[in-house]
Amino acid sequence: MTETITCIKLGPDQAAMSRPPFPGPLGERIFQNVSLKAWQVWLEQQKMLVNENRLNLADPEARKYLKEQTENYFFGDGADSAQGFVPVK
């Protein structure tokens, strides 16, 4: 049986992740408060940010930016949206 959590994005009774998405305090905070589905939605948005902004993930500044965006998306005022991205209505 899949463990469930109350997700800060999607509400109660959401499937939990099996482990933190990355090491450190932010990874643990996400693991405790974010559902698997909400994490997957974020990964798609993160992919758009990487592609649209042509981020080099070998660059420490790019990784720092993505970490800040991850924290803003889940625990702040929201992450940046990809430049030129138009959501489907």
PDB file of N, CA and C in Angstrom:
ATOM      1  N   MET A   1       0.841  -1.180   0.000  1.00  0.00           N
ATOM      2  CA  MET A   1       0.000   0.000   0.000  1.00  0.00           C
ATOM      3  C   MET A   1       0.884   1.240   0.000  1.00  0.00           C
ATOM      4  N   THR A   2       0.532   2.205  -0.811  1.00  0.00           N
ATOM      5  CA  THR A   2       1.284   3.439  -0.924  1.00  0.00           C
ATOM      6  C   THR A   2       0.972   4.347   0.253  1.00  0.00           C
ATOM      7  N   GLU A   3       2.030   4.908   0.827  1.00  0.00           N
ATOM      8  CA  GLU A   3       1.847   5.859   1.912  1.00  0.00           C
ATOM      9  C   GLU A   3       1.288   7.157   1.331  1.00  0.00           C
ATOM     10  N   THR A   4       0.410   7.818   2.090  1.00  0.00           N
ATOM     11  CA  THR A   4      -0.160   9.082   1.640  1.00  0.00           C
ATOM     12  C   THR A   4       0.245  10.206   2.589  1.00  0.00           C
ATOM     13  N   ILE A   5       0.223  11.413   2.044  1.00  0.00           N
ATOM     14  CA  ILE A   5       0.515  12.612   2.824  1.00  0.00           C
ATOM     15  C   ILE A   5      -0.488  13.693   2.449  1.00  0.00           C
ATOM     16  N   THR A   6      -0.488  14.742   3.244  1.00  0.00           N
ATOM     17  CA  THR A   6      -1.220  15.943   2.875  1.00  0.00           C
ATOM     18  C   THR A   6      -0.216  16.853   2.183  1.00  0.00           C
ATOM     19  N   CYS A   7      -0.401  17.013   0.902  1.00  0.00           N
ATOM     20  CA  CYS A   7       0.528  17.765   0.064  1.00  0.00           C
ATOM     21  C   CYS A   7       0.215  19.257   0.147  1.00  0.00           C
ATOM     22  N   ILE A   8       1.257  20.080   0.229  1.00  0.00           N
ATOM     23  CA  ILE A   8       1.035  21.526   0.307  1.00  0.00           C
ATOM     24  C   ILE A   8       0.515  22.093  -1.004  1.00  0.00           C
ATOM     25  N   LYS A   9       0.632  21.360  -2.098  1.00  0.00           N
ATOM     26  CA  LYS A   9       0.128  21.814  -3.398  1.00  0.00           C
ATOM     27  C   LYS A   9      -1.222  21.193  -3.744  1.00  0.00           C
ATOM     28  N   LEU A  10      -1.396  19.898  -3.450  1.00  0.00           N
ATOM     29  CA  LEU A  10      -2.576  19.170  -3.931  1.00  0.00           C
ATOM     30  C   LEU A  10      -3.544  18.731  -2.837  1.00  0.00           C
ATOM     31  N   GLY A  11      -3.197  18.966  -1.574  1.00  0.00           N
ATOM     32  CA  GLY A  11      -4.116  18.641  -0.499  1.00  0.00           C
ATOM     33  C   GLY A  11      -3.939  17.243   0.081  1.00  0.00           C
ATOM     34  N   PRO A  12      -4.946  16.782   0.827  1.00  0.00           N
ATOM     35  CA  PRO A  12      -4.834  15.513   1.556  1.00  0.00           C
ATOM     36  C   PRO A  12      -4.914  14.279   0.660  1.00  0.00           C
ATOM     37  N   ASP A  13      -4.449  13.182   1.237  1.00  0.00           N
ATOM     38  CA  ASP A  13      -4.550  11.851   0.630  1.00  0.00           C
ATOM     39  C   ASP A  13      -3.873  11.749  -0.729  1.00  0.00           C
ATOM     40  N   GLN A  14      -2.655  12.246  -0.799  1.00  0.00           N
ATOM     41  CA  GLN A  14      -1.846  12.163  -2.011  1.00  0.00           C
ATOM     42  C   GLN A  14      -0.727  11.147  -1.798  1.00  0.00           C
ATOM     43  N   ALA A  15      -0.363  10.443  -2.847  1.00  0.00           N
ATOM     44  CA  ALA A  15       0.724   9.469  -2.767  1.00  0.00           C
ATOM     45  C   ALA A  15       2.028  10.183  -2.419  1.00  0.00           C
ATOM     46  N   ALA A  16       2.738   9.631  -1.452  1.00  0.00           N
ATOM     47  CA  ALA A  16       4.000  10.219  -0.999  1.00  0.00           C
ATOM     48  C   ALA A  16       5.159   9.716  -1.856  1.00  0.00           C
ATOM     49  N   MET A  17       6.237  10.466  -1.857  1.00  0.00           N
ATOM     50  CA  MET A  17       7.473  10.012  -2.492  1.00  0.00           C
ATOM     51  C   MET A  17       8.078   8.913  -1.630  1.00  0.00           C
ATOM     52  N   SER A  18       8.871   8.050  -2.221  1.00  0.00           N
ATOM     53  CA  SER A  18       9.478   6.963  -1.468  1.00  0.00           C
ATOM     54  C   SER A  18      10.736   7.407  -0.724  1.00  0.00           C
ATOM     55  N   ARG A  19      11.323   8.530  -1.162  1.00  0.00           N
ATOM     56  CA  ARG A  19      12.520   9.066  -0.511  1.00  0.00           C
ATOM     57  C   ARG A  19      12.658  10.535  -0.884  1.00  0.00           C
ATOM     58  N   PRO A  20      13.492  11.278  -0.142  1.00  0.00           N
ATOM     59  CA  PRO A  20      13.695  12.691  -0.502  1.00  0.00           C
ATOM     60  C   PRO A  20      14.227  12.813  -1.930  1.00  0.00           C
ATOM     61  N   PRO A  21      13.828  13.849  -2.650  1.00  0.00           N
ATOM     62  CA  PRO A  21      14.255  13.988  -4.035  1.00  0.00           C
ATOM     63  C   PRO A  21      15.733  14.347  -4.196  1.00  0.00           C
ATOM     64  N   PHE A  22      16.327  14.909  -3.159  1.00  0.00           N
ATOM     65  CA  PHE A  22      17.759  15.190  -3.145  1.00  0.00           C
ATOM     66  C   PHE A  22      18.186  15.398  -1.701  1.00  0.00           C
ATOM     67  N   PRO A  23      19.504  15.322  -1.419  1.00  0.00           N
ATOM     68  CA  PRO A  23      19.958  15.426  -0.030  1.00  0.00           C
ATOM     69  C   PRO A  23      19.828  16.841   0.532  1.00  0.00           C
ATOM     70  N   GLY A  24      19.860  16.931   1.837  1.00  0.00           N
ATOM     71  CA  GLY A  24      19.862  18.226   2.508  1.00  0.00           C
ATOM     72  C   GLY A  24      18.514  18.608   3.078  1.00  0.00           C
ATOM     73  N   PRO A  25      18.488  19.717   3.793  1.00  0.00           N
ATOM     74  CA  PRO A  25      17.263  20.166   4.460  1.00  0.00           C
ATOM     75  C   PRO A  25      16.102  20.426   3.499  1.00  0.00           C
ATOM     76  N   LEU A  26      16.368  21.037   2.350  1.00  0.00           N
ATOM     77  CA  LEU A  26      15.274  21.311   1.410  1.00  0.00           C
ATOM     78  C   LEU A  26      14.704  20.003   0.867  1.00  0.00           C
ATOM     79  N   GLY A  27      15.559  19.056   0.530  1.00  0.00           N
ATOM     80  CA  GLY A  27      15.086  17.759   0.054  1.00  0.00           C
ATOM     81  C   GLY A  27      14.213  17.061   1.085  1.00  0.00           C
ATOM     82  N   GLU A  28      14.602  17.140   2.344  1.00  0.00           N
ATOM     83  CA  GLU A  28      13.824  16.528   3.423  1.00  0.00           C
ATOM     84  C   GLU A  28      12.492  17.258   3.613  1.00  0.00           C
ATOM     85  N   ARG A  29      12.518  18.569   3.528  1.00  0.00           N
ATOM     86  CA  ARG A  29      11.284  19.357   3.674  1.00  0.00           C
ATOM     87  C   ARG A  29      10.299  19.031   2.547  1.00  0.00           C
ATOM     88  N   ILE A  30      10.814  18.903   1.344  1.00  0.00           N
ATOM     89  CA  ILE A  30       9.975  18.532   0.207  1.00  0.00           C
ATOM     90  C   ILE A  30       9.409  17.129   0.422  1.00  0.00           C
ATOM     91  N   PHE A  31      10.238  16.212   0.833  1.00  0.00           N
ATOM     92  CA  PHE A  31       9.812  14.831   1.079  1.00  0.00           C
ATOM     93  C   PHE A  31       8.656  14.774   2.081  1.00  0.00           C
ATOM     94  N   GLN A  32       8.710  15.599   3.104  1.00  0.00           N
ATOM     95  CA  GLN A  32       7.696  15.572   4.151  1.00  0.00           C
ATOM     96  C   GLN A  32       6.410  16.301   3.773  1.00  0.00           C
ATOM     97  N   ASN A  33       6.469  17.215   2.786  1.00  0.00           N
ATOM     98  CA  ASN A  33       5.320  18.084   2.507  1.00  0.00           C
ATOM     99  C   ASN A  33       4.779  18.053   1.089  1.00  0.00           C
ATOM    100  N   VAL A  34       5.441  17.338   0.189  1.00  0.00           N
ATOM    101  CA  VAL A  34       5.087  17.379  -1.225  1.00  0.00           C
ATOM    102  C   VAL A  34       4.793  15.965  -1.718  1.00  0.00           C
ATOM    103  N   SER A  35       3.696  15.826  -2.449  1.00  0.00           N
ATOM    104  CA  SER A  35       3.324  14.515  -2.989  1.00  0.00           C
ATOM    105  C   SER A  35       4.153  14.175  -4.222  1.00  0.00           C
ATOM    106  N   LEU A  36       4.131  12.917  -4.564  1.00  0.00           N
ATOM    107  CA  LEU A  36       4.823  12.448  -5.757  1.00  0.00           C
ATOM    108  C   LEU A  36       4.307  13.163  -7.001  1.00  0.00           C
ATOM    109  N   LYS A  37       2.997  13.312  -7.116  1.00  0.00           N
ATOM    110  CA  LYS A  37       2.411  13.969  -8.289  1.00  0.00           C
ATOM    111  C   LYS A  37       2.836  15.439  -8.371  1.00  0.00           C
ATOM    112  N   ALA A  38       2.815  16.148  -7.253  1.00  0.00           N
ATOM    113  CA  ALA A  38       3.225  17.562  -7.251  1.00  0.00           C
ATOM    114  C   ALA A  38       4.700  17.687  -7.618  1.00  0.00           C
ATOM    115  N   TRP A  39       5.523  16.748  -7.165  1.00  0.00           N
ATOM    116  CA  TRP A  39       6.936  16.761  -7.512  1.00  0.00           C
ATOM    117  C   TRP A  39       7.108  16.548  -9.022  1.00  0.00           C
ATOM    118  N   GLN A  40       6.339  15.639  -9.592  1.00  0.00           N
ATOM    119  CA  GLN A  40       6.424  15.381 -11.026  1.00  0.00           C
ATOM    120  C   GLN A  40       5.997  16.607 -11.839  1.00  0.00           C
ATOM    121  N   VAL A  41       4.970  17.319 -11.365  1.00  0.00           N
ATOM    122  CA  VAL A  41       4.546  18.556 -12.034  1.00  0.00           C
ATOM    123  C   VAL A  41       5.685  19.572 -11.991  1.00  0.00           C
ATOM    124  N   TRP A  42       6.340  19.686 -10.831  1.00  0.00           N
ATOM    125  CA  TRP A  42       7.453  20.615 -10.717  1.00  0.00           C
ATOM    126  C   TRP A  42       8.590  20.232 -11.662  1.00  0.00           C
ATOM    127  N   LEU A  43       8.898  18.948 -11.786  1.00  0.00           N
ATOM    128  CA  LEU A  43       9.980  18.532 -12.679  1.00  0.00           C
ATOM    129  C   LEU A  43       9.723  18.963 -14.116  1.00  0.00           C
ATOM    130  N   GLU A  44       8.463  18.933 -14.543  1.00  0.00           N
ATOM    131  CA  GLU A  44       8.128  19.390 -15.894  1.00  0.00           C
ATOM    132  C   GLU A  44       8.357  20.902 -16.028  1.00  0.00           C
ATOM    133  N   GLN A  45       7.968  21.663 -15.000  1.00  0.00           N
ATOM    134  CA  GLN A  45       8.195  23.109 -15.042  1.00  0.00           C
ATOM    135  C   GLN A  45       9.699  23.398 -14.985  1.00  0.00           C
ATOM    136  N   GLN A  46      10.402  22.648 -14.170  1.00  0.00           N
ATOM    137  CA  GLN A  46      11.845  22.827 -14.058  1.00  0.00           C
ATOM    138  C   GLN A  46      12.527  22.545 -15.411  1.00  0.00           C
ATOM    139  N   LYS A  47      12.052  21.523 -16.096  1.00  0.00           N
ATOM    140  CA  LYS A  47      12.599  21.190 -17.412  1.00  0.00           C
ATOM    141  C   LYS A  47      12.413  22.361 -18.380  1.00  0.00           C
ATOM    142  N   MET A  48      11.254  22.993 -18.327  1.00  0.00           N
ATOM    143  CA  MET A  48      11.012  24.159 -19.182  1.00  0.00           C
ATOM    144  C   MET A  48      11.959  25.300 -18.823  1.00  0.00           C
ATOM    145  N   LEU A  49      12.186  25.529 -17.526  1.00  0.00           N
ATOM    146  CA  LEU A  49      13.109  26.590 -17.114  1.00  0.00           C
ATOM    147  C   LEU A  49      14.518  26.316 -17.629  1.00  0.00           C
ATOM    148  N   VAL A  50      14.954  25.072 -17.529  1.00  0.00           N
ATOM    149  CA  VAL A  50      16.289  24.701 -18.004  1.00  0.00           C
ATOM    150  C   VAL A  50      16.393  24.934 -19.503  1.00  0.00           C
ATOM    151  N   ASN A  51      15.408  24.461 -20.246  1.00  0.00           N
ATOM    152  CA  ASN A  51      15.459  24.579 -21.704  1.00  0.00           C
ATOM    153  C   ASN A  51      15.304  26.014 -22.183  1.00  0.00           C
ATOM    154  N   GLU A  52      14.308  26.720 -21.682  1.00  0.00           N
ATOM    155  CA  GLU A  52      14.037  28.080 -22.146  1.00  0.00           C
ATOM    156  C   GLU A  52      15.153  29.055 -21.766  1.00  0.00           C
ATOM    157  N   ASN A  53      15.742  28.842 -20.607  1.00  0.00           N
ATOM    158  CA  ASN A  53      16.810  29.731 -20.148  1.00  0.00           C
ATOM    159  C   ASN A  53      18.196  29.204 -20.509  1.00  0.00           C
ATOM    160  N   ARG A  54      18.223  28.075 -21.205  1.00  0.00           N
ATOM    161  CA  ARG A  54      19.473  27.451 -21.658  1.00  0.00           C
ATOM    162  C   ARG A  54      20.468  27.317 -20.506  1.00  0.00           C
ATOM    163  N   LEU A  55      19.975  26.751 -19.412  1.00  0.00           N
ATOM    164  CA  LEU A  55      20.823  26.596 -18.235  1.00  0.00           C
ATOM    165  C   LEU A  55      21.793  25.434 -18.426  1.00  0.00           C
ATOM    166  N   ASN A  56      23.006  25.633 -18.001  1.00  0.00           N
ATOM    167  CA  ASN A  56      24.020  24.589 -17.998  1.00  0.00           C
ATOM    168  C   ASN A  56      24.059  24.027 -16.585  1.00  0.00           C
ATOM    169  N   LEU A  57      23.604  22.803 -16.399  1.00  0.00           N
ATOM    170  CA  LEU A  57      23.507  22.238 -15.054  1.00  0.00           C
ATOM    171  C   LEU A  57      24.867  21.929 -14.433  1.00  0.00           C
ATOM    172  N   ALA A  58      25.935  22.045 -15.207  1.00  0.00           N
ATOM    173  CA  ALA A  58      27.280  21.921 -14.652  1.00  0.00           C
ATOM    174  C   ALA A  58      27.704  23.225 -13.969  1.00  0.00           C
ATOM    175  N   ASP A  59      26.985  24.304 -14.250  1.00  0.00           N
ATOM    176  CA  ASP A  59      27.282  25.614 -13.684  1.00  0.00           C
ATOM    177  C   ASP A  59      26.659  25.728 -12.286  1.00  0.00           C
ATOM    178  N   PRO A  60      27.472  26.000 -11.266  1.00  0.00           N
ATOM    179  CA  PRO A  60      26.933  26.126  -9.906  1.00  0.00           C
ATOM    180  C   PRO A  60      25.852  27.204  -9.783  1.00  0.00           C
ATOM    181  N   GLU A  61      25.966  28.285 -10.550  1.00  0.00           N
ATOM    182  CA  GLU A  61      24.953  29.345 -10.503  1.00  0.00           C
ATOM    183  C   GLU A  61      23.608  28.856 -11.040  1.00  0.00           C
ATOM    184  N   ALA A  62      23.632  28.023 -12.072  1.00  0.00           N
ATOM    185  CA  ALA A  62      22.393  27.463 -12.620  1.00  0.00           C
ATOM    186  C   ALA A  62      21.746  26.529 -11.600  1.00  0.00           C
ATOM    187  N   ARG A  63      22.541  25.715 -10.941  1.00  0.00           N
ATOM    188  CA  ARG A  63      22.003  24.808  -9.918  1.00  0.00           C
ATOM    189  C   ARG A  63      21.441  25.592  -8.733  1.00  0.00           C
ATOM    190  N   LYS A  64      22.123  26.665  -8.357  1.00  0.00           N
ATOM    191  CA  LYS A  64      21.632  27.524  -7.275  1.00  0.00           C
ATOM    192  C   LYS A  64      20.288  28.137  -7.658  1.00  0.00           C
ATOM    193  N   TYR A  65      20.197  28.632  -8.887  1.00  0.00           N
ATOM    194  CA  TYR A  65      18.947  29.205  -9.390  1.00  0.00           C
ATOM    195  C   TYR A  65      17.810  28.177  -9.326  1.00  0.00           C
ATOM    196  N   LEU A  66      18.060  26.962  -9.778  1.00  0.00           N
ATOM    197  CA  LEU A  66      17.010  25.933  -9.762  1.00  0.00           C
ATOM    198  C   LEU A  66      16.605  25.556  -8.343  1.00  0.00           C
ATOM    199  N   LYS A  67      17.565  25.526  -7.433  1.00  0.00           N
ATOM    200  CA  LYS A  67      17.238  25.227  -6.039  1.00  0.00           C
ATOM    201  C   LYS A  67      16.346  26.326  -5.457  1.00  0.00           C
ATOM    202  N   GLU A  68      16.687  27.587  -5.762  1.00  0.00           N
ATOM    203  CA  GLU A  68      15.864  28.707  -5.295  1.00  0.00           C
ATOM    204  C   GLU A  68      14.463  28.637  -5.900  1.00  0.00           C
ATOM    205  N   GLN A  69      14.375  28.295  -7.174  1.00  0.00           N
ATOM    206  CA  GLN A  69      13.077  28.186  -7.830  1.00  0.00           C
ATOM    207  C   GLN A  69      12.256  27.047  -7.236  1.00  0.00           C
ATOM    208  N   THR A  70      12.908  25.951  -6.898  1.00  0.00           N
ATOM    209  CA  THR A  70      12.222  24.813  -6.274  1.00  0.00           C
ATOM    210  C   THR A  70      11.623  25.238  -4.940  1.00  0.00           C
ATOM    211  N   GLU A  71      12.418  25.924  -4.141  1.00  0.00           N
ATOM    212  CA  GLU A  71      11.929  26.386  -2.836  1.00  0.00           C
ATOM    213  C   GLU A  71      10.795  27.391  -3.006  1.00  0.00           C
ATOM    214  N   ASN A  72      10.925  28.312  -3.952  1.00  0.00           N
ATOM    215  CA  ASN A  72       9.857  29.289  -4.197  1.00  0.00           C
ATOM    216  C   ASN A  72       8.580  28.612  -4.676  1.00  0.00           C
ATOM    217  N   TYR A  73       8.710  27.602  -5.513  1.00  0.00           N
ATOM    218  CA  TYR A  73       7.546  26.909  -6.061  1.00  0.00           C
ATOM    219  C   TYR A  73       6.729  26.246  -4.954  1.00  0.00           C
ATOM    220  N   PHE A  74       7.399  25.585  -4.041  1.00  0.00           N
ATOM    221  CA  PHE A  74       6.676  24.849  -2.994  1.00  0.00           C
ATOM    222  C   PHE A  74       6.412  25.659  -1.729  1.00  0.00           C
ATOM    223  N   PHE A  75       7.315  26.529  -1.365  1.00  0.00           N
ATOM    224  CA  PHE A  75       7.217  27.177  -0.053  1.00  0.00           C
ATOM    225  C   PHE A  75       7.213  28.702  -0.109  1.00  0.00           C
ATOM    226  N   GLY A  76       7.236  29.269  -1.293  1.00  0.00           N
ATOM    227  CA  GLY A  76       7.280  30.722  -1.435  1.00  0.00           C
ATOM    228  C   GLY A  76       6.139  31.229  -2.291  1.00  0.00           C
ATOM    229  N   ASP A  77       6.439  32.268  -3.059  1.00  0.00           N
ATOM    230  CA  ASP A  77       5.435  32.932  -3.892  1.00  0.00           C
ATOM    231  C   ASP A  77       5.308  32.329  -5.282  1.00  0.00           C
ATOM    232  N   GLY A  78       5.970  31.216  -5.531  1.00  0.00           N
ATOM    233  CA  GLY A  78       5.914  30.577  -6.841  1.00  0.00           C
ATOM    234  C   GLY A  78       7.208  30.763  -7.598  1.00  0.00           C
ATOM    235  N   ALA A  79       7.459  29.864  -8.513  1.00  0.00           N
ATOM    236  CA  ALA A  79       8.680  29.897  -9.308  1.00  0.00           C
ATOM    237  C   ALA A  79       8.479  30.759 -10.545  1.00  0.00           C
ATOM    238  N   ASP A  80       9.592  31.097 -11.175  1.00  0.00           N
ATOM    239  CA  ASP A  80       9.541  31.785 -12.459  1.00  0.00           C
ATOM    240  C   ASP A  80       8.848  30.882 -13.472  1.00  0.00           C
ATOM    241  N   SER A  81       8.223  31.467 -14.461  1.00  0.00           N
ATOM    242  CA  SER A  81       7.700  30.672 -15.558  1.00  0.00           C
ATOM    243  C   SER A  81       8.675  30.797 -16.717  1.00  0.00           C
ATOM    244  N   ALA A  82       8.668  29.818 -17.573  1.00  0.00           N
ATOM    245  CA  ALA A  82       9.588  29.825 -18.711  1.00  0.00           C
ATOM    246  C   ALA A  82       9.222  30.997 -19.625  1.00  0.00           C
ATOM    247  N   GLN A  83      10.210  31.691 -20.107  1.00  0.00           N
ATOM    248  CA  GLN A  83       9.984  32.811 -21.014  1.00  0.00           C
ATOM    249  C   GLN A  83       9.375  32.283 -22.293  1.00  0.00           C
ATOM    250  N   GLY A  84       8.327  32.897 -22.748  1.00  0.00           N
ATOM    251  CA  GLY A  84       7.691  32.459 -23.979  1.00  0.00           C
ATOM    252  C   GLY A  84       6.713  31.317 -23.799  1.00  0.00           C
ATOM    253  N   PHE A  85       6.593  30.791 -22.586  1.00  0.00           N
ATOM    254  CA  PHE A  85       5.674  29.681 -22.331  1.00  0.00           C
ATOM    255  C   PHE A  85       4.251  30.210 -22.232  1.00  0.00           C
ATOM    256  N   VAL A  86       3.348  29.610 -22.989  1.00  0.00           N
ATOM    257  CA  VAL A  86       1.947  29.962 -22.947  1.00  0.00           C
ATOM    258  C   VAL A  86       1.175  28.706 -22.530  1.00  0.00           C
ATOM    259  N   PRO A  87       0.557  28.712 -21.342  1.00  0.00           N
ATOM    260  CA  PRO A  87      -0.156  27.522 -20.891  1.00  0.00           C
ATOM    261  C   PRO A  87      -1.363  27.233 -21.785  1.00  0.00           C
ATOM    262  N   VAL A  88      -1.638  25.951 -21.971  1.00  0.00           N
ATOM    263  CA  VAL A  88      -2.793  25.515 -22.766  1.00  0.00           C
ATOM    264  C   VAL A  88      -4.049  25.766 -21.947  1.00  0.00           C
ATOM    265  N   LYS A  89      -5.067  26.338 -22.584  1.00  0.00           N
ATOM    266  CA  LYS A  89      -6.321  26.631 -21.869  1.00  0.00           C
ATOM    267  C   LYS A  89      -7.350  25.578 -22.137  1.00  0.00           C
TER     268      LYS A  89
END
